[in-house]
Amino acid sequence: MKKLLINLTNHPSQEWNEEQLKAAYSYGEIEDMEFPTIPPYMGEDEIEKVIKKYEQIILKKSEANLLTVHIMGEQTFCYGLINRLTKHRIRCMASCTERGTFKFVRFREYVSPNEIDVSGHH
């Protein structure tokens, strides 16, 4: 299976610096996916429909690829989609930066509380 990193953010990988690209390629080839527009007035039921749509698109890609999803954006959408994807054992990552000026530091995996043991490992 081919390794693939889906970049589901508002920051296309073409804009990433060399350090972030190098870290990203360790998860596979990079594929940018447009982050949905989630207006503040959108209700939870509407957001759920968007989450289901993205879940289906990503699950389809997981049939032929070993996926990691880099997901950053509107928190309720991210939370819902991350919960669904991790149940399918699809790894989800956040990018970590220094505060102030954006300076990529590393990727950090989203982990459900039930996946963490008392030693902090999963």
N, C-alpha and C. Protein backbone atom coordinates (compact mmCIF):
# COMPACT_ATOMS: atom_id res chain seq x y z
N MET A 1 0.84 -1.20 0.00
CA MET A 1 0.00 0.00 0.00
C MET A 1 0.87 1.24 0.00
N LYS A 2 0.43 2.22 -0.75
CA LYS A 2 1.15 3.49 -0.83
C LYS A 2 0.81 4.34 0.39
N LYS A 3 1.82 5.00 0.96
CA LYS A 3 1.60 5.92 2.07
C LYS A 3 1.17 7.28 1.52
N LEU A 4 0.13 7.86 2.13
CA LEU A 4 -0.40 9.14 1.65
C LEU A 4 -0.75 10.02 2.84
N LEU A 5 -0.30 11.28 2.79
CA LEU A 5 -0.66 12.29 3.77
C LEU A 5 -1.68 13.23 3.13
N ILE A 6 -2.89 13.24 3.67
CA ILE A 6 -3.91 14.18 3.20
C ILE A 6 -3.78 15.44 4.04
N ASN A 7 -3.59 16.56 3.37
CA ASN A 7 -3.48 17.85 4.03
C ASN A 7 -4.84 18.53 3.98
N LEU A 8 -5.62 18.36 5.05
CA LEU A 8 -6.97 18.92 5.14
C LEU A 8 -6.91 20.17 6.02
N THR A 9 -6.42 21.25 5.42
CA THR A 9 -6.24 22.53 6.11
C THR A 9 -6.50 23.66 5.12
N ASN A 10 -6.39 24.88 5.60
CA ASN A 10 -6.47 26.05 4.70
C ASN A 10 -5.09 26.49 4.25
N HIS A 11 -4.09 25.63 4.43
CA HIS A 11 -2.70 25.97 4.09
C HIS A 11 -2.14 24.93 3.13
N PRO A 12 -2.23 25.20 1.82
CA PRO A 12 -1.74 24.23 0.82
C PRO A 12 -0.27 23.90 1.04
N SER A 13 0.09 22.66 0.75
CA SER A 13 1.46 22.21 0.97
C SER A 13 2.48 22.99 0.14
N GLN A 14 2.05 23.61 -0.96
CA GLN A 14 2.98 24.41 -1.77
C GLN A 14 3.52 25.60 -0.96
N GLU A 15 2.81 25.99 0.09
CA GLU A 15 3.23 27.13 0.92
C GLU A 15 4.09 26.70 2.10
N TRP A 16 4.29 25.41 2.30
CA TRP A 16 5.05 24.92 3.44
C TRP A 16 6.54 25.12 3.23
N ASN A 17 7.27 25.30 4.33
CA ASN A 17 8.72 25.44 4.22
C ASN A 17 9.35 24.05 4.11
N GLU A 18 10.65 24.04 3.85
CA GLU A 18 11.37 22.79 3.62
C GLU A 18 11.28 21.86 4.84
N GLU A 19 11.35 22.42 6.04
CA GLU A 19 11.30 21.61 7.26
C GLU A 19 9.96 20.88 7.38
N GLN A 20 8.86 21.59 7.10
CA GLN A 20 7.54 20.97 7.19
C GLN A 20 7.35 19.93 6.09
N LEU A 21 7.81 20.25 4.89
CA LEU A 21 7.69 19.29 3.79
C LEU A 21 8.47 18.00 4.09
N LYS A 22 9.66 18.15 4.64
CA LYS A 22 10.48 16.97 4.97
C LYS A 22 9.74 16.10 5.99
N ALA A 23 9.18 16.73 7.01
CA ALA A 23 8.44 15.98 8.03
C ALA A 23 7.21 15.33 7.41
N ALA A 24 6.52 16.04 6.54
CA ALA A 24 5.29 15.53 5.92
C ALA A 24 5.58 14.32 5.03
N TYR A 25 6.67 14.37 4.26
CA TYR A 25 6.98 13.26 3.36
C TYR A 25 7.28 11.97 4.11
N SER A 26 7.60 12.06 5.40
CA SER A 26 7.81 10.83 6.16
C SER A 26 6.49 10.06 6.32
N TYR A 27 5.35 10.74 6.10
CA TYR A 27 4.03 10.10 6.17
C TYR A 27 3.54 9.70 4.78
N GLY A 28 4.31 10.02 3.74
CA GLY A 28 3.94 9.62 2.38
C GLY A 28 3.82 10.81 1.45
N GLU A 29 3.34 10.51 0.27
CA GLU A 29 3.08 11.55 -0.72
C GLU A 29 2.02 12.50 -0.15
N ILE A 30 2.09 13.79 -0.46
CA ILE A 30 1.16 14.77 0.09
C ILE A 30 0.05 15.06 -0.93
N GLU A 31 -1.19 15.02 -0.45
CA GLU A 31 -2.34 15.39 -1.28
C GLU A 31 -3.14 16.45 -0.53
N ASP A 32 -3.24 17.64 -1.12
CA ASP A 32 -4.03 18.71 -0.51
C ASP A 32 -5.51 18.45 -0.74
N MET A 33 -6.31 18.65 0.30
CA MET A 33 -7.76 18.52 0.21
C MET A 33 -8.35 19.83 0.74
N GLU A 34 -9.25 20.41 -0.02
CA GLU A 34 -9.82 21.69 0.37
C GLU A 34 -10.60 21.57 1.69
N PHE A 35 -10.28 22.47 2.62
CA PHE A 35 -10.99 22.49 3.90
C PHE A 35 -12.35 23.14 3.68
N PRO A 36 -13.42 22.56 4.23
CA PRO A 36 -14.76 23.12 3.99
C PRO A 36 -14.96 24.46 4.70
N THR A 37 -15.82 25.27 4.14
CA THR A 37 -16.21 26.52 4.79
C THR A 37 -17.29 26.17 5.80
N ILE A 38 -17.05 26.51 7.06
CA ILE A 38 -18.00 26.24 8.15
C ILE A 38 -18.36 27.59 8.77
N PRO A 39 -19.42 28.24 8.26
CA PRO A 39 -19.80 29.54 8.82
C PRO A 39 -20.28 29.41 10.26
N PRO A 40 -20.14 30.47 11.07
CA PRO A 40 -20.53 30.40 12.48
C PRO A 40 -22.01 30.10 12.70
N TYR A 41 -22.86 30.43 11.74
CA TYR A 41 -24.30 30.19 11.90
C TYR A 41 -24.73 28.79 11.48
N MET A 42 -23.78 27.98 10.97
CA MET A 42 -24.12 26.63 10.54
C MET A 42 -24.45 25.77 11.77
N GLY A 43 -25.56 25.05 11.72
CA GLY A 43 -25.97 24.21 12.84
C GLY A 43 -25.23 22.90 12.89
N GLU A 44 -25.30 22.24 14.05
CA GLU A 44 -24.60 20.98 14.24
C GLU A 44 -25.04 19.91 13.25
N ASP A 45 -26.34 19.89 12.92
CA ASP A 45 -26.82 18.88 11.97
C ASP A 45 -26.22 19.10 10.59
N GLU A 46 -26.03 20.36 10.21
CA GLU A 46 -25.41 20.67 8.91
C GLU A 46 -23.93 20.31 8.93
N ILE A 47 -23.27 20.60 10.04
CA ILE A 47 -21.85 20.25 10.17
C ILE A 47 -21.69 18.74 10.10
N GLU A 48 -22.60 18.01 10.73
CA GLU A 48 -22.56 16.54 10.71
C GLU A 48 -22.62 16.02 9.27
N LYS A 49 -23.42 16.65 8.42
CA LYS A 49 -23.50 16.24 7.01
C LYS A 49 -22.17 16.44 6.30
N VAL A 50 -21.51 17.56 6.60
CA VAL A 50 -20.20 17.85 5.99
C VAL A 50 -19.17 16.84 6.49
N ILE A 51 -19.22 16.54 7.79
CA ILE A 51 -18.30 15.55 8.37
C ILE A 51 -18.49 14.20 7.67
N LYS A 52 -19.73 13.76 7.51
CA LYS A 52 -20.00 12.47 6.85
C LYS A 52 -19.48 12.46 5.42
N LYS A 53 -19.65 13.57 4.71
CA LYS A 53 -19.18 13.68 3.32
C LYS A 53 -17.66 13.49 3.27
N TYR A 54 -16.94 14.21 4.13
CA TYR A 54 -15.48 14.10 4.15
C TYR A 54 -15.03 12.73 4.63
N GLU A 55 -15.74 12.17 5.58
CA GLU A 55 -15.41 10.83 6.05
C GLU A 55 -15.48 9.84 4.89
N GLN A 56 -16.52 9.90 4.09
CA GLN A 56 -16.68 8.98 2.97
C GLN A 56 -15.57 9.17 1.93
N ILE A 57 -15.22 10.40 1.63
CA ILE A 57 -14.14 10.68 0.66
C ILE A 57 -12.83 10.09 1.17
N ILE A 58 -12.53 10.31 2.44
CA ILE A 58 -11.27 9.84 3.02
C ILE A 58 -11.27 8.32 3.14
N LEU A 59 -12.38 7.72 3.55
CA LEU A 59 -12.45 6.26 3.63
C LEU A 59 -12.21 5.63 2.27
N LYS A 60 -12.74 6.23 1.22
CA LYS A 60 -12.53 5.72 -0.14
C LYS A 60 -11.04 5.71 -0.47
N LYS A 61 -10.34 6.79 -0.09
CA LYS A 61 -8.90 6.88 -0.35
C LYS A 61 -8.13 5.85 0.48
N SER A 62 -8.67 5.48 1.64
CA SER A 62 -7.97 4.53 2.52
C SER A 62 -8.01 3.11 1.98
N GLU A 63 -8.86 2.86 0.99
CA GLU A 63 -8.94 1.51 0.41
C GLU A 63 -7.65 1.14 -0.31
N ALA A 64 -6.98 2.13 -0.89
CA ALA A 64 -5.77 1.85 -1.68
C ALA A 64 -4.51 2.49 -1.09
N ASN A 65 -4.65 3.19 0.04
CA ASN A 65 -3.53 3.92 0.61
C ASN A 65 -3.47 3.75 2.12
N LEU A 66 -2.26 3.81 2.66
CA LEU A 66 -2.06 3.88 4.09
C LEU A 66 -2.09 5.36 4.43
N LEU A 67 -3.18 5.82 5.04
CA LEU A 67 -3.43 7.25 5.20
C LEU A 67 -3.00 7.82 6.53
N THR A 68 -2.56 9.07 6.46
CA THR A 68 -2.44 9.96 7.60
C THR A 68 -3.13 11.24 7.17
N VAL A 69 -3.95 11.82 8.06
CA VAL A 69 -4.66 13.05 7.72
C VAL A 69 -4.13 14.17 8.60
N HIS A 70 -3.57 15.21 7.95
CA HIS A 70 -3.15 16.43 8.65
C HIS A 70 -4.38 17.33 8.63
N ILE A 71 -5.00 17.53 9.81
CA ILE A 71 -6.27 18.26 9.86
C ILE A 71 -6.18 19.39 10.88
N MET A 72 -6.42 20.60 10.40
CA MET A 72 -6.41 21.80 11.23
C MET A 72 -7.48 22.73 10.67
N GLY A 73 -8.27 23.33 11.56
CA GLY A 73 -9.28 24.28 11.10
C GLY A 73 -10.39 24.41 12.13
N GLU A 74 -11.59 24.66 11.67
CA GLU A 74 -12.75 24.87 12.55
C GLU A 74 -12.87 23.68 13.49
N GLN A 75 -12.88 23.97 14.79
CA GLN A 75 -12.73 22.93 15.80
C GLN A 75 -13.84 21.89 15.86
N THR A 76 -15.09 22.28 15.72
CA THR A 76 -16.16 21.29 15.84
C THR A 76 -16.15 20.32 14.66
N PHE A 77 -15.83 20.83 13.48
CA PHE A 77 -15.69 19.96 12.30
C PHE A 77 -14.52 19.00 12.51
N CYS A 78 -13.37 19.55 12.91
CA CYS A 78 -12.18 18.72 13.12
C CYS A 78 -12.44 17.65 14.18
N TYR A 79 -13.02 18.05 15.28
CA TYR A 79 -13.29 17.11 16.37
C TYR A 79 -14.17 15.95 15.87
N GLY A 80 -15.25 16.28 15.17
CA GLY A 80 -16.15 15.25 14.67
C GLY A 80 -15.48 14.32 13.66
N LEU A 81 -14.74 14.91 12.73
CA LEU A 81 -14.11 14.09 11.69
C LEU A 81 -12.97 13.25 12.27
N ILE A 82 -12.20 13.82 13.17
CA ILE A 82 -11.10 13.08 13.79
C ILE A 82 -11.66 11.88 14.55
N ASN A 83 -12.74 12.07 15.30
CA ASN A 83 -13.35 10.95 16.03
C ASN A 83 -13.77 9.84 15.08
N ARG A 84 -14.37 10.20 13.96
CA ARG A 84 -14.82 9.19 13.01
C ARG A 84 -13.64 8.47 12.35
N LEU A 85 -12.62 9.25 11.94
CA LEU A 85 -11.49 8.65 11.24
C LEU A 85 -10.66 7.75 12.15
N THR A 86 -10.46 8.17 13.39
CA THR A 86 -9.65 7.34 14.29
C THR A 86 -10.36 6.03 14.63
N LYS A 87 -11.69 6.01 14.59
CA LYS A 87 -12.41 4.76 14.79
C LYS A 87 -12.13 3.78 13.65
N HIS A 88 -11.77 4.32 12.49
CA HIS A 88 -11.40 3.49 11.34
C HIS A 88 -9.89 3.26 11.30
N ARG A 89 -9.22 3.62 12.40
CA ARG A 89 -7.77 3.48 12.53
C ARG A 89 -7.00 4.30 11.50
N ILE A 90 -7.54 5.45 11.14
CA ILE A 90 -6.83 6.38 10.27
C ILE A 90 -6.17 7.41 11.18
N ARG A 91 -4.86 7.52 11.05
CA ARG A 91 -4.07 8.43 11.87
C ARG A 91 -4.38 9.88 11.47
N CYS A 92 -4.60 10.73 12.48
CA CYS A 92 -4.86 12.15 12.26
C CYS A 92 -3.81 12.97 13.01
N MET A 93 -3.28 13.99 12.34
CA MET A 93 -2.20 14.79 12.90
C MET A 93 -2.55 16.28 12.89
N ALA A 94 -1.96 17.00 13.84
CA ALA A 94 -2.01 18.46 13.87
C ALA A 94 -0.60 18.96 13.67
N SER A 95 -0.45 20.15 13.10
CA SER A 95 0.89 20.74 13.00
C SER A 95 1.10 21.64 14.21
N CYS A 96 2.29 21.56 14.77
CA CYS A 96 2.64 22.34 15.96
C CYS A 96 3.56 23.49 15.52
N THR A 97 3.31 24.66 16.04
CA THR A 97 4.08 25.83 15.64
C THR A 97 4.51 26.61 16.87
N GLU A 98 5.49 27.49 16.65
CA GLU A 98 5.85 28.47 17.67
C GLU A 98 4.81 29.57 17.60
N ARG A 99 4.43 30.13 18.74
CA ARG A 99 3.45 31.23 18.76
C ARG A 99 4.06 32.49 18.14
N GLY A 100 3.21 33.39 17.72
CA GLY A 100 3.67 34.62 17.07
C GLY A 100 3.76 34.38 15.60
N THR A 101 4.95 34.40 15.04
CA THR A 101 5.16 34.13 13.63
C THR A 101 5.07 32.63 13.41
N PHE A 102 4.39 32.23 12.33
CA PHE A 102 4.26 30.80 12.06
C PHE A 102 5.62 30.21 11.77
N LYS A 103 6.03 29.29 12.59
CA LYS A 103 7.26 28.54 12.36
C LYS A 103 6.95 27.08 12.69
N PHE A 104 6.90 26.27 11.66
CA PHE A 104 6.59 24.86 11.86
C PHE A 104 7.61 24.22 12.79
N VAL A 105 7.12 23.40 13.73
CA VAL A 105 8.00 22.68 14.65
C VAL A 105 7.89 21.18 14.42
N ARG A 106 6.65 20.65 14.39
CA ARG A 106 6.47 19.21 14.23
C ARG A 106 5.01 18.91 13.97
N PHE A 107 4.71 17.65 13.68
CA PHE A 107 3.34 17.16 13.64
C PHE A 107 3.06 16.46 14.96
N ARG A 108 1.79 16.53 15.43
CA ARG A 108 1.37 15.83 16.65
C ARG A 108 0.09 15.09 16.32
N GLU A 109 0.03 13.82 16.73
CA GLU A 109 -1.12 12.98 16.42
C GLU A 109 -2.29 13.28 17.36
N TYR A 110 -3.50 13.31 16.80
CA TYR A 110 -4.72 13.38 17.60
C TYR A 110 -4.94 11.97 18.15
N VAL A 111 -5.09 11.84 19.44
CA VAL A 111 -5.29 10.53 20.06
C VAL A 111 -6.51 10.63 20.96
N SER A 112 -7.41 9.66 20.85
CA SER A 112 -8.59 9.62 21.72
C SER A 112 -8.14 9.29 23.13
N PRO A 113 -8.82 9.85 24.15
CA PRO A 113 -8.44 9.57 25.53
C PRO A 113 -8.44 8.07 25.85
N ASN A 114 -9.33 7.31 25.24
CA ASN A 114 -9.37 5.87 25.53
C ASN A 114 -8.22 5.11 24.87
N GLU A 115 -7.42 5.77 24.04
CA GLU A 115 -6.27 5.13 23.41
C GLU A 115 -4.99 5.37 24.19
N ILE A 116 -5.04 6.16 25.26
CA ILE A 116 -3.85 6.51 26.02
C ILE A 116 -3.83 5.70 27.31
N ASP A 117 -2.71 5.05 27.58
CA ASP A 117 -2.61 4.34 28.85
C ASP A 117 -2.03 5.30 29.89
N VAL A 118 -1.95 4.87 31.12
CA VAL A 118 -1.52 5.75 32.20
C VAL A 118 -0.09 6.25 32.03
N SER A 119 0.72 5.56 31.26
CA SER A 119 2.10 6.00 31.06
C SER A 119 2.18 7.08 29.99
N GLY A 120 1.03 7.40 29.33
CA GLY A 120 1.01 8.44 28.31
C GLY A 120 1.30 7.91 26.92
N HIS A 121 1.47 6.62 26.78
CA HIS A 121 1.70 6.01 25.46
C HIS A 121 0.40 5.45 24.91
N HIS A 122 0.33 5.31 23.59
CA HIS A 122 -0.86 4.70 22.98
C HIS A 122 -0.46 3.56 22.08
